[in-house]
């Protein structure tokens, strides 16, 4: 079944201003979602063609990864013009049409703003590097070399090697936390901040419903350029960079996550609040202090609406003990923070493969995400239970994977084209040769095939999302009484209207759970949930959900 635009696109669904609180956001990686013109690369018209399908999932919003003009050294995360669409993806008219039709389907549209850096082909950088005296000379992070000509400090790039690149025009180094072609902007410059806020205002005026803010804690650097200290081996983890990357050898105290960032985030929030029903979702990239920073950035009503850290994007499995640890830390460091959870995205191995999940466990994890306090991000194809694709070295496009192959294969395995039609050439993604090969293992789970099976993973995700929306406590209620007992995680979600008891066996063996006393009704049976009273035994990947009204 190919769900296309089946609703009246003139209707604009009325939603509350805080639609984002507990909302479900569907991430679209535009290069790989749907190609409309046969060039092998997904585009904005392709997204528009599939809005009916996205709306049928029951999600609240879409987040579209960058589609701005770019030389595509990092596939759109290296922006050369913040105010225009790259011809690869279409035109500004195409985007406006997408926006109008998405709103007609009742979908909010969030776009990915990359503010920490630009492409080295951005006109701002061309002017900044021309001399030390021009109007934009301090819009990027420039520094003199040490007396011996080496970089100003020991900061490292996530993509490997020094975070400093020599520039023969200015006879200085510029900072790049990512590729050398992605120079970092200098947020200590007031004029630069104003220019970036003007970019945000441009898209808000156009009608977007919010922003996903890339690497939000990378905006500011330490003005004294102090060296980062080393990080002991037992404190290193691969949540931000693979272990083969020397980036993990440092505690990045000075190259990112600076206190001055708070004031800029408050400026951005104040701008956003001038428009009704808009939201900011920040990505916090920090392997040691992610939850703490999430709390700092979302506390109160003047900063970001929500943020996500990388705790559930790690290779480390989502066990009951680890989930309890994460929420205990979040409560301790930032009890009023509003998180947004993701299990997969465009930068990490798909969680079905990363955690080695069975189909039953994938289904259980989908329900768990819909029950956790916070908002939720689903990555395209997650609703199909897609595994990571195996991309041969000769087909790799990602510079990250090419650099660290074979110990780290990069991000192409989670970026292969969406599979729409099992029997079609290129699985219905494109009539031309795709920019990355379509995975044959993923094609077996194509949308058209799963649509025909009412018990498929696709329909399971629809039911899980519907369950969340059917219970206000799951959307925006408090989360209390979280207990870990062996492999079982239990907690209660509650608001003024209802309570929902949740129990998940995240282990491989049957486990017993003590059920709460009182009058409860079983919910989620259509998802495979079980119920009972007294002591209930949950099998591997089983769960129990029960609800009761408060009165």
Protein backbone atom coordinates (compact mmCIF):
# COMPACT_ATOMS: atom_id res chain seq x y z
CA UNK A 1 0.00 0.00 0.00
CA UNK A 2 1.42 3.34 -1.00
CA UNK A 3 -0.11 5.98 1.27
CA UNK A 4 -0.01 9.31 -0.50
CA UNK A 5 -1.70 12.65 0.19
CA UNK A 6 -5.14 11.47 1.28
CA UNK A 7 -6.27 14.37 3.46
CA UNK A 8 -7.59 17.82 2.74
CA UNK A 9 -4.45 19.94 2.61
CA UNK A 10 -6.44 23.11 3.21
CA UNK A 11 -7.24 21.99 6.77
CA UNK A 12 -4.87 23.18 9.48
CA UNK A 13 -5.15 21.06 12.62
CA UNK A 14 -5.45 23.10 15.81
CA UNK A 15 -2.91 21.91 18.36
CA UNK A 16 -1.88 23.31 21.73
CA UNK A 17 1.18 25.57 21.93
CA UNK A 18 3.05 22.90 23.90
CA UNK A 19 2.39 20.20 21.28
CA UNK A 20 6.07 19.27 21.57
CA UNK A 21 5.75 18.15 25.21
CA UNK A 22 5.47 14.40 24.84
CA UNK A 23 5.15 14.71 21.08
CA UNK A 24 6.48 12.13 18.62
CA UNK A 25 8.85 13.55 16.01
CA UNK A 26 9.72 11.66 12.82
CA UNK A 27 13.21 12.36 11.51
CA UNK A 28 13.69 12.51 7.76
CA UNK A 29 17.14 12.30 6.18
CA UNK A 30 16.17 13.90 2.86
CA UNK A 31 18.91 12.37 0.69
CA UNK A 32 17.55 8.93 1.49
CA UNK A 33 13.81 9.31 1.95
CA UNK A 34 12.21 9.58 -1.52
CA UNK A 35 13.62 10.66 -4.87
CA UNK A 36 11.06 12.35 -7.11
CA UNK A 37 13.16 13.08 -10.21
CA UNK A 38 15.25 9.95 -10.78
CA UNK A 39 18.66 11.38 -9.97
CA UNK A 40 19.19 8.88 -7.15
CA UNK A 41 19.02 11.47 -4.37
CA UNK A 42 15.98 12.12 -2.21
CA UNK A 43 14.44 15.58 -2.37
CA UNK A 44 11.75 17.86 -0.96
CA UNK A 45 9.12 16.85 -3.52
CA UNK A 46 9.76 13.26 -2.54
CA UNK A 47 9.04 14.08 1.10
CA UNK A 48 5.85 15.84 0.06
CA UNK A 49 4.75 12.76 -1.87
CA UNK A 50 5.08 10.68 1.29
CA UNK A 51 3.38 13.00 3.78
CA UNK A 52 0.26 10.83 3.78
CA UNK A 53 2.33 7.87 4.92
CA UNK A 54 4.02 9.89 7.65
CA UNK A 55 0.69 11.26 8.88
CA UNK A 56 -0.68 7.70 8.97
CA UNK A 57 1.91 6.84 11.60
CA UNK A 58 0.23 9.23 14.00
CA UNK A 59 3.35 11.33 14.69
CA UNK A 60 3.10 14.97 15.67
CA UNK A 61 5.94 16.47 13.67
CA UNK A 62 8.68 15.86 11.17
CA UNK A 63 12.30 16.92 11.56
CA UNK A 64 14.08 17.34 8.24
CA UNK A 65 17.85 17.11 8.23
CA UNK A 66 19.62 19.98 6.40
CA UNK A 67 18.52 20.82 2.88
CA UNK A 68 20.27 24.20 2.62
CA UNK A 69 22.80 25.06 -0.08
CA UNK A 70 25.97 23.13 0.61
CA UNK A 71 29.03 21.65 -1.12
CA UNK A 72 27.94 18.41 0.63
CA UNK A 73 31.31 17.54 2.12
CA UNK A 74 29.31 16.47 5.20
CA UNK A 75 26.03 15.97 3.33
CA UNK A 76 24.34 19.23 4.21
CA UNK A 77 25.80 19.79 7.66
CA UNK A 78 28.26 22.14 5.95
CA UNK A 79 26.03 25.07 5.00
CA UNK A 80 27.04 27.62 2.38
CA UNK A 81 23.73 29.54 2.37
CA UNK A 82 21.33 29.41 5.32
CA UNK A 83 18.47 31.03 3.41
CA UNK A 84 18.13 28.87 0.33
CA UNK A 85 17.51 25.28 -0.72
CA UNK A 86 20.27 23.31 -2.38
CA UNK A 87 19.25 22.55 -5.98
CA UNK A 88 19.91 18.89 -5.21
CA UNK A 89 16.82 18.95 -3.00
CA UNK A 90 14.67 21.32 -5.04
CA UNK A 91 13.63 24.94 -4.66
CA UNK A 92 12.27 27.26 -2.02
CA UNK A 93 8.90 26.88 -3.71
CA UNK A 94 9.17 23.11 -3.14
CA UNK A 95 9.82 23.69 0.53
CA UNK A 96 6.88 26.06 0.90
CA UNK A 97 4.64 23.48 -0.75
CA UNK A 98 5.95 20.80 1.61
CA UNK A 99 5.29 23.09 4.58
CA UNK A 100 1.73 23.86 3.48
CA UNK A 101 0.86 20.25 2.79
CA UNK A 102 2.44 19.01 6.02
CA UNK A 103 0.32 21.49 7.96
CA UNK A 104 -2.69 20.28 6.04
CA UNK A 105 -1.93 16.79 7.31
CA UNK A 106 -1.71 18.08 10.87
CA UNK A 107 2.07 17.70 10.93
CA UNK A 108 4.45 20.22 12.44
CA UNK A 109 7.66 20.86 10.52
CA UNK A 110 11.01 21.27 12.29
CA UNK A 111 14.15 21.99 10.32
CA UNK A 112 17.75 21.22 11.23
CA UNK A 113 19.71 24.40 11.95
CA UNK A 114 23.49 23.96 11.96
CA UNK A 115 24.71 27.06 13.77
CA UNK A 116 28.02 25.96 15.28
CA UNK A 117 29.87 26.01 11.97
CA UNK A 118 29.44 26.66 8.26
CA UNK A 119 31.03 25.40 5.09
CA UNK A 120 34.35 26.97 4.13
CA UNK A 121 32.49 28.03 0.97
CA UNK A 122 30.05 30.22 2.89
CA UNK A 123 30.47 33.91 1.90
CA UNK A 124 30.96 34.77 5.57
CA UNK A 125 34.07 32.62 5.73
CA UNK A 126 35.40 33.89 2.41
CA UNK A 127 35.26 37.41 3.83
CA UNK A 128 36.58 36.45 7.25
CA UNK A 129 39.66 34.70 5.91
CA UNK A 130 40.50 37.53 3.49
CA UNK A 131 42.16 39.68 6.17
CA UNK A 132 42.36 40.37 9.89
CA UNK A 133 40.64 43.75 9.56
CA UNK A 134 37.46 43.17 7.53
CA UNK A 135 33.93 43.41 8.98
CA UNK A 136 33.64 39.66 9.47
CA UNK A 137 37.22 39.02 10.53
CA UNK A 138 36.10 37.79 13.96
CA UNK A 139 33.02 35.82 12.84
CA UNK A 140 35.07 32.62 12.96
CA UNK A 141 37.53 31.29 15.53
CA UNK A 142 40.99 32.38 14.51
CA UNK A 143 44.18 32.02 16.54
CA UNK A 144 47.90 32.58 16.10
CA UNK A 145 50.23 29.61 16.11
CA UNK A 146 52.52 28.79 18.97
CA UNK A 147 56.07 30.16 18.55
CA UNK A 148 57.10 26.87 16.94
CA UNK A 149 54.30 27.12 14.37
CA UNK A 150 52.13 24.37 15.84
CA UNK A 151 48.40 24.77 16.59
CA UNK A 152 47.37 27.01 19.49
CA UNK A 153 46.31 24.12 21.73
CA UNK A 154 45.57 20.39 21.85
CA UNK A 155 41.92 20.43 20.81
CA UNK A 156 40.88 17.54 18.55
CA UNK A 157 38.36 17.20 15.75
CA UNK A 158 35.57 14.62 15.95
CA UNK A 159 36.55 13.54 12.44
CA UNK A 160 40.13 12.85 13.53
CA UNK A 161 43.31 14.85 14.06
CA UNK A 162 43.79 18.41 15.22
CA UNK A 163 40.78 20.73 15.43
CA UNK A 164 42.94 23.50 13.92
CA UNK A 165 43.64 24.14 10.24
CA UNK A 166 46.32 26.52 8.96
CA UNK A 167 45.19 29.30 6.64
CA UNK A 168 47.84 30.89 4.43
CA UNK A 169 45.79 34.06 3.83
CA UNK A 170 45.62 35.21 7.42
CA UNK A 171 48.68 33.27 8.60
CA UNK A 172 46.53 31.92 11.42
CA UNK A 173 44.78 28.73 12.38
CA UNK A 174 40.99 28.41 12.33
CA UNK A 175 39.00 26.06 14.54
CA UNK A 176 37.01 23.16 13.09
CA UNK A 177 35.42 20.68 15.48
CA UNK A 178 34.40 18.59 12.48
CA UNK A 179 35.86 18.51 8.93
CA UNK A 180 38.52 21.02 7.93
CA UNK A 181 35.90 22.33 5.48
CA UNK A 182 33.59 23.16 8.42
CA UNK A 183 35.10 26.20 10.18
CA UNK A 184 33.61 27.01 13.58
CA UNK A 185 31.70 30.25 14.06
CA UNK A 186 32.79 32.61 16.83
CA UNK A 187 29.80 33.06 19.13
CA UNK A 188 31.78 35.52 21.25
CA UNK A 189 31.12 38.00 18.42
CA UNK A 190 27.80 39.87 18.98
CA UNK A 191 27.34 40.61 15.27
CA UNK A 192 27.64 36.91 14.46
CA UNK A 193 24.99 36.06 17.04
CA UNK A 194 22.66 38.65 15.53
CA UNK A 195 23.21 37.24 12.04
CA UNK A 196 22.32 33.73 13.20
CA UNK A 197 19.19 34.94 14.97
CA UNK A 198 18.21 36.63 11.71
CA UNK A 199 18.56 33.23 10.01
CA UNK A 200 16.21 31.68 12.58
CA UNK A 201 13.77 34.58 12.13
CA UNK A 202 13.78 34.04 8.35
CA UNK A 203 12.57 30.45 8.71
CA UNK A 204 10.11 31.26 11.50
CA UNK A 205 8.57 33.95 9.30
CA UNK A 206 8.28 31.34 6.56
CA UNK A 207 6.18 29.22 8.88
CA UNK A 208 8.39 26.42 10.25
CA UNK A 209 7.27 25.11 13.62
CA UNK A 210 10.68 24.84 15.20
CA UNK A 211 14.28 23.81 14.97
CA UNK A 212 16.40 20.81 15.70
CA UNK A 213 19.66 22.45 16.70
CA UNK A 214 22.74 20.51 15.68
CA UNK A 215 25.59 20.20 18.22
CA UNK A 216 24.02 22.83 20.45
CA UNK A 217 26.77 22.67 23.08
CA UNK A 218 29.52 23.35 20.52
CA UNK A 219 28.54 26.99 19.98
CA UNK A 220 31.05 28.61 22.34
CA UNK A 221 34.72 27.87 22.92
CA UNK A 222 37.01 28.93 25.76
CA UNK A 223 38.38 32.35 24.85
CA UNK A 224 41.66 31.59 26.64
CA UNK A 225 42.10 28.53 24.39
CA UNK A 226 43.15 26.37 27.33
CA UNK A 227 44.22 22.79 26.62
CA UNK A 228 41.68 20.06 27.25
CA UNK A 229 42.82 17.64 29.97
CA UNK A 230 43.34 13.98 29.22
CA UNK A 231 40.60 11.50 30.02
CA UNK A 232 41.38 8.26 31.91
CA UNK A 233 40.70 5.08 29.98
CA UNK A 234 37.92 3.97 32.32
CA UNK A 235 35.96 7.18 31.62
CA UNK A 236 36.04 6.93 27.84
CA UNK A 237 33.00 5.79 25.88
CA UNK A 238 31.95 5.69 22.26
CA UNK A 239 28.71 7.65 22.51
CA UNK A 240 30.09 10.66 20.60
CA UNK A 241 33.01 9.16 18.66
CA UNK A 242 34.19 5.58 18.03
CA UNK A 243 36.84 4.26 20.40
CA UNK A 244 39.41 4.17 17.59
CA UNK A 245 39.14 7.98 17.44
CA UNK A 246 41.64 9.88 19.63
CA UNK A 247 38.85 12.38 20.33
CA UNK A 248 37.91 10.05 23.18
CA UNK A 249 41.28 10.63 24.86
CA UNK A 250 40.27 14.11 26.04
CA UNK A 251 37.84 15.62 28.51
CA UNK A 252 36.49 18.43 26.33
CA UNK A 253 36.19 21.03 29.07
CA UNK A 254 37.27 23.99 26.98
CA UNK A 255 36.49 23.26 23.32
CA UNK A 256 32.71 23.15 23.91
CA UNK A 257 29.91 23.42 26.53
CA UNK A 258 30.95 26.85 27.78
CA UNK A 259 28.79 28.81 30.28
CA UNK A 260 28.35 31.73 27.87
CA UNK A 261 26.12 29.50 25.75
CA UNK A 262 23.20 29.90 28.15
CA UNK A 263 22.72 33.58 27.29
CA UNK A 264 22.60 32.85 23.56
CA UNK A 265 20.11 30.02 24.03
CA UNK A 266 17.91 32.41 25.97
CA UNK A 267 18.11 34.89 23.08
CA UNK A 268 17.10 32.16 20.65
CA UNK A 269 14.21 31.05 22.88
CA UNK A 270 13.01 34.66 23.26
CA UNK A 271 12.93 34.96 19.47
CA UNK A 272 11.07 31.67 19.11
CA UNK A 273 8.52 32.72 21.73
CA UNK A 274 7.50 35.64 19.52
CA UNK A 275 5.78 33.03 17.34
CA UNK A 276 2.94 30.78 18.47
CA UNK A 277 3.50 27.09 19.02
CA UNK A 278 7.16 26.88 18.03
CA UNK A 279 9.76 24.62 19.64
CA UNK A 280 13.52 24.17 19.86
CA UNK A 281 15.11 20.72 20.18
CA UNK A 282 18.81 20.75 20.99
CA UNK A 283 21.32 17.98 20.34
CA UNK A 284 23.79 17.71 23.22
CA UNK A 285 27.03 16.05 22.14
CA UNK A 286 28.96 15.25 25.29
CA UNK A 287 30.07 11.81 26.42
CA UNK A 288 30.64 12.70 30.07
CA UNK A 289 28.12 15.42 30.98
CA UNK A 290 25.29 15.01 28.47
CA UNK A 291 22.44 14.77 31.00
CA UNK A 292 23.82 17.62 33.08
CA UNK A 293 24.03 19.87 30.02
CA UNK A 294 20.56 18.78 28.92
CA UNK A 295 19.28 19.97 32.27
CA UNK A 296 21.10 23.29 32.07
CA UNK A 297 19.78 23.95 28.58
CA UNK A 298 16.12 23.09 29.24
CA UNK A 299 15.52 24.24 32.81
CA UNK A 300 12.85 26.90 33.29
CA UNK A 301 10.91 28.66 30.54
CA UNK A 302 13.67 30.79 28.97
CA UNK A 303 15.95 28.21 27.40
CA UNK A 304 15.39 25.32 25.00
CA UNK A 305 12.07 23.52 25.03
CA UNK A 306 13.78 20.11 24.97
CA UNK A 307 17.14 18.48 24.34
CA UNK A 308 18.42 15.00 23.72
CA UNK A 309 21.71 13.53 24.84
CA UNK A 310 23.34 10.31 23.64
CA UNK A 311 22.62 7.94 26.55
CA UNK A 312 20.19 5.84 24.49
CA UNK A 313 22.17 6.22 21.26
CA UNK A 314 25.16 4.35 22.69
CA UNK A 315 26.15 0.81 21.82
CA UNK A 316 25.53 -0.04 25.48
CA UNK A 317 22.29 -2.01 25.66
CA UNK A 318 19.18 -0.49 27.19
CA UNK A 319 18.97 -2.73 30.25
CA UNK A 320 16.72 -2.12 33.23
CA UNK A 321 19.69 -1.12 35.38
CA UNK A 322 21.03 1.30 32.77
CA UNK A 323 17.63 2.92 32.21
CA UNK A 324 17.26 3.38 35.97
CA UNK A 325 20.76 4.86 36.14
CA UNK A 326 20.00 7.36 33.37
CA UNK A 327 16.77 8.56 34.93
CA UNK A 328 18.31 8.74 38.40
CA UNK A 329 21.10 10.93 37.01
CA UNK A 330 18.61 13.08 35.15
CA UNK A 331 16.54 13.53 38.29
CA UNK A 332 19.64 14.34 40.33
CA UNK A 333 21.14 16.82 37.90
CA UNK A 334 18.01 18.35 36.36
CA UNK A 335 14.71 17.15 37.71
CA UNK A 336 12.64 19.59 35.65
CA UNK A 337 14.53 19.07 32.39
CA UNK A 338 12.39 17.97 29.45
CA UNK A 339 14.26 15.25 27.54
CA UNK A 340 13.67 13.95 24.05
CA UNK A 341 14.65 10.33 23.58
CA UNK A 342 15.97 8.68 20.43
CA UNK A 343 17.19 5.13 19.91
CA UNK A 344 18.36 5.71 16.32
CA UNK A 345 19.27 8.64 14.08
CA UNK A 346 21.38 9.50 11.05
CA UNK A 347 24.66 9.37 13.00
CA UNK A 348 24.56 6.00 14.76
CA UNK A 349 24.06 2.35 13.91
CA UNK A 350 20.36 1.47 13.85
CA UNK A 351 19.37 0.23 17.29
CA UNK A 352 17.90 -3.05 16.01
CA UNK A 353 21.46 -4.03 15.05
CA UNK A 354 23.36 -1.97 17.63
CA UNK A 355 21.63 -3.76 20.49
CA UNK A 356 21.13 -7.07 18.68
CA UNK A 357 17.37 -7.01 19.19
CA UNK A 358 14.92 -9.70 18.16
CA UNK A 359 11.68 -8.60 16.50
CA UNK A 360 9.91 -9.08 19.83
CA UNK A 361 12.46 -6.87 21.57
CA UNK A 362 12.18 -4.18 18.87
CA UNK A 363 8.43 -4.11 19.48
CA UNK A 364 8.92 -3.92 23.22
CA UNK A 365 11.45 -1.08 22.90
CA UNK A 366 9.00 0.86 20.74
CA UNK A 367 6.39 0.62 23.50
CA UNK A 368 8.98 1.56 26.13
CA UNK A 369 9.91 4.73 24.25
CA UNK A 370 6.25 5.72 24.07
CA UNK A 371 5.94 5.26 27.84
CA UNK A 372 9.04 7.15 29.00
CA UNK A 373 8.76 10.72 30.27
CA UNK A 374 9.88 13.07 27.53
CA UNK A 375 9.33 13.58 23.83
CA UNK A 376 10.35 10.96 21.28
CA UNK A 377 12.24 10.96 17.99
CA UNK A 378 11.77 8.16 15.48
CA UNK A 379 14.24 7.85 12.62
CA UNK A 380 12.93 7.01 9.16
CA UNK A 381 12.64 3.25 8.75
CA UNK A 382 12.69 2.63 12.49
CA UNK A 383 8.97 1.89 12.25
CA UNK A 384 9.81 -0.96 9.87
CA UNK A 385 12.29 -2.52 12.29
CA UNK A 386 15.12 -1.95 9.82
CA UNK A 387 18.52 -3.40 10.68
CA UNK A 388 21.75 -1.59 9.88
CA UNK A 389 22.69 -1.92 6.20
CA UNK A 390 26.05 -3.41 5.28
CA UNK A 391 27.77 -0.96 2.92
CA UNK A 392 30.92 -2.09 1.12
CA UNK A 393 34.00 0.11 1.38
CA UNK A 394 33.88 0.96 -2.32
CA UNK A 395 30.32 2.29 -1.87
CA UNK A 396 31.06 4.45 1.18
CA UNK A 397 30.26 8.15 0.96
CA UNK A 398 30.77 9.19 4.58
CA UNK A 399 34.22 10.78 5.16
CA UNK A 400 34.04 9.64 8.78
CA UNK A 401 33.79 5.99 7.80
CA UNK A 402 36.43 6.28 5.09
CA UNK A 403 38.85 7.77 7.65
CA UNK A 404 38.40 5.08 10.31
CA UNK A 405 37.61 2.00 8.19
CA UNK A 406 37.43 -0.90 8.96
CA UNK A 407 37.25 -0.58 12.77
CA UNK A 408 34.52 2.03 12.31
CA UNK A 409 32.44 1.87 9.14
CA UNK A 410 30.92 5.30 9.44
CA UNK A 411 27.33 6.41 9.19
CA UNK A 412 26.32 5.20 5.74
CA UNK A 413 24.80 1.99 7.10
CA UNK A 414 21.98 3.94 8.74
CA UNK A 415 21.60 6.34 5.81
CA UNK A 416 20.78 3.95 2.98
CA UNK A 417 17.57 4.68 1.06
CA UNK A 418 14.14 4.14 2.58
CA UNK A 419 12.48 0.96 1.30
CA UNK A 420 8.97 1.53 -0.03
CA UNK A 421 8.22 -1.32 -2.46
CA UNK A 422 9.80 -4.74 -1.99
CA UNK A 423 9.73 -5.83 -5.63
CA UNK A 424 10.52 -2.52 -7.30
CA UNK A 425 13.96 -1.66 -8.55
CA UNK A 426 15.74 0.24 -5.79
CA UNK A 427 12.76 -0.60 -3.55
CA UNK A 428 10.71 2.30 -4.83
CA UNK A 429 13.14 4.94 -3.60
CA UNK A 430 14.28 6.10 -7.05
CA UNK A 431 14.09 5.25 -10.71
CA UNK A 432 17.81 6.03 -10.97
CA UNK A 433 20.84 4.59 -9.26
CA UNK A 434 20.68 5.63 -5.58
CA UNK A 435 23.52 7.61 -4.00
CA UNK A 436 23.93 4.69 -1.58
CA UNK A 437 22.91 1.15 -2.52
CA UNK A 438 19.55 -0.10 -1.29
CA UNK A 439 19.99 -2.84 1.30
CA UNK A 440 18.51 -6.19 0.27
CA UNK A 441 18.00 -7.13 3.92
CA UNK A 442 16.03 -3.94 4.45
CA UNK A 443 14.01 -4.41 1.25
CA UNK A 444 12.40 -7.48 2.82
CA UNK A 445 10.73 -5.07 5.26
CA UNK A 446 9.52 -2.57 2.64
CA UNK A 447 6.47 -0.45 3.45
CA UNK A 448 4.18 -2.08 0.87
CA UNK A 449 4.87 -5.53 2.27
CA UNK A 450 4.33 -4.51 5.91
CA UNK A 451 1.18 -2.56 5.09
CA UNK A 452 -0.49 -5.81 4.03
CA UNK A 453 0.16 -7.56 7.33
CA UNK A 454 -1.94 -6.22 10.23
CA UNK A 455 0.52 -7.79 12.69
CA UNK A 456 3.61 -6.22 11.11
CA UNK A 457 6.17 -3.98 12.81
CA UNK A 458 4.76 -0.97 10.95
CA UNK A 459 1.28 -1.44 12.37
CA UNK A 460 2.79 -2.12 15.79
CA UNK A 461 4.48 1.30 15.76
CA UNK A 462 1.22 2.94 14.74
CA UNK A 463 -0.51 1.30 17.68
CA UNK A 464 2.29 2.28 20.09
CA UNK A 465 2.10 5.93 19.00
CA UNK A 466 -1.69 5.84 19.27
CA UNK A 467 -1.41 4.44 22.79
CA UNK A 468 0.78 7.37 23.81
CA UNK A 469 -1.69 9.89 22.44
CA UNK A 470 -4.62 8.12 24.09
CA UNK A 471 -3.21 8.63 27.59
CA UNK A 472 -2.39 12.12 28.81
CA UNK A 473 -0.19 10.67 31.54
CA UNK A 474 2.05 9.07 28.90
CA UNK A 475 2.22 12.28 26.90
CA UNK A 476 3.16 14.80 29.56
CA UNK A 477 2.66 13.30 33.01
CA UNK A 478 5.22 12.88 35.77
CA UNK A 479 7.31 9.72 36.02
CA UNK A 480 7.48 8.28 39.53
CA UNK A 481 8.27 5.09 41.44
CA UNK A 482 10.88 3.85 38.96
CA UNK A 483 12.27 0.56 40.24
CA UNK A 484 14.78 -1.85 38.76
CA UNK A 485 14.56 -5.42 39.93
CA UNK A 486 16.86 -7.71 38.01
CA UNK A 487 15.94 -7.39 34.36
CA UNK A 488 12.58 -5.74 35.06
CA UNK A 489 12.03 -1.98 34.94
CA UNK A 490 8.81 -0.63 36.46
CA UNK A 491 7.54 2.92 36.81
CA UNK A 492 4.34 4.93 36.98
CA UNK A 493 3.31 7.80 34.73
CA UNK A 494 0.68 10.09 36.20
CA UNK A 495 -1.09 13.39 35.81
CA UNK A 496 -4.20 14.88 37.36
CA UNK A 497 -6.47 12.55 35.37
CA UNK A 498 -4.86 9.12 35.43
CA UNK A 499 -2.05 6.79 36.40
CA UNK A 500 -0.34 4.29 34.10
CA UNK A 501 1.72 1.46 35.57
CA UNK A 502 4.48 0.22 33.25
CA UNK A 503 6.58 -2.93 33.61
CA UNK A 504 9.18 -4.10 31.06
CA UNK A 505 11.33 -7.22 31.16
CA UNK A 506 14.44 -6.09 29.29
CA UNK A 507 16.31 -9.34 29.88
CA UNK A 508 16.56 -12.66 28.06
CA UNK A 509 14.94 -14.81 30.74
CA UNK A 510 11.49 -14.82 32.39
CA UNK A 511 11.28 -12.56 35.43
CA UNK A 512 8.72 -11.89 38.13
CA UNK A 513 7.19 -8.49 38.82
CA UNK A 514 5.05 -7.50 41.77
CA UNK A 515 1.90 -5.87 40.48
CA UNK A 516 0.43 -2.80 42.16
CA UNK A 517 -2.57 -3.10 44.42
CA UNK A 518 -5.90 -1.54 43.61
CA UNK A 519 -8.30 -1.44 40.70
CA UNK A 520 -6.42 -1.25 37.41
CA UNK A 521 -7.38 -2.11 33.86
CA UNK A 522 -5.00 -3.66 31.37
CA UNK A 523 -4.06 -1.47 28.39
CA UNK A 524 -1.81 -2.13 25.43
CA UNK A 525 -3.07 -5.68 24.83
CA UNK A 526 -3.21 -4.93 21.11
CA UNK A 527 0.56 -4.35 21.35
CA UNK A 528 1.23 -7.65 23.05
CA UNK A 529 1.01 -6.38 26.58
CA UNK A 530 -0.05 -8.74 29.35
CA UNK A 531 -1.79 -8.09 32.65
CA UNK A 532 -2.51 -9.66 35.99
CA UNK A 533 -2.42 -9.20 39.72
CA UNK A 534 -0.21 -10.32 42.55
CA UNK A 535 3.07 -11.68 41.18
CA UNK A 536 3.20 -11.70 37.38
CA UNK A 537 5.87 -13.49 35.35
CA UNK A 538 7.02 -11.57 32.28
CA UNK A 539 8.79 -13.48 29.56
CA UNK A 540 11.73 -12.10 27.63
CA UNK A 541 10.72 -8.88 25.82
CA UNK A 542 7.30 -8.90 27.48
CA UNK A 543 5.67 -5.93 29.15
CA UNK A 544 2.61 -5.02 31.19
CA UNK A 545 0.69 -1.75 31.07
CA UNK A 546 -2.23 -0.94 33.34
CA UNK A 547 -4.17 2.28 33.89
CA UNK A 548 -6.61 3.77 36.34
CA UNK A 549 -8.39 7.10 36.68
CA UNK A 550 -7.50 9.36 39.57
CA UNK A 551 -10.41 10.63 41.56
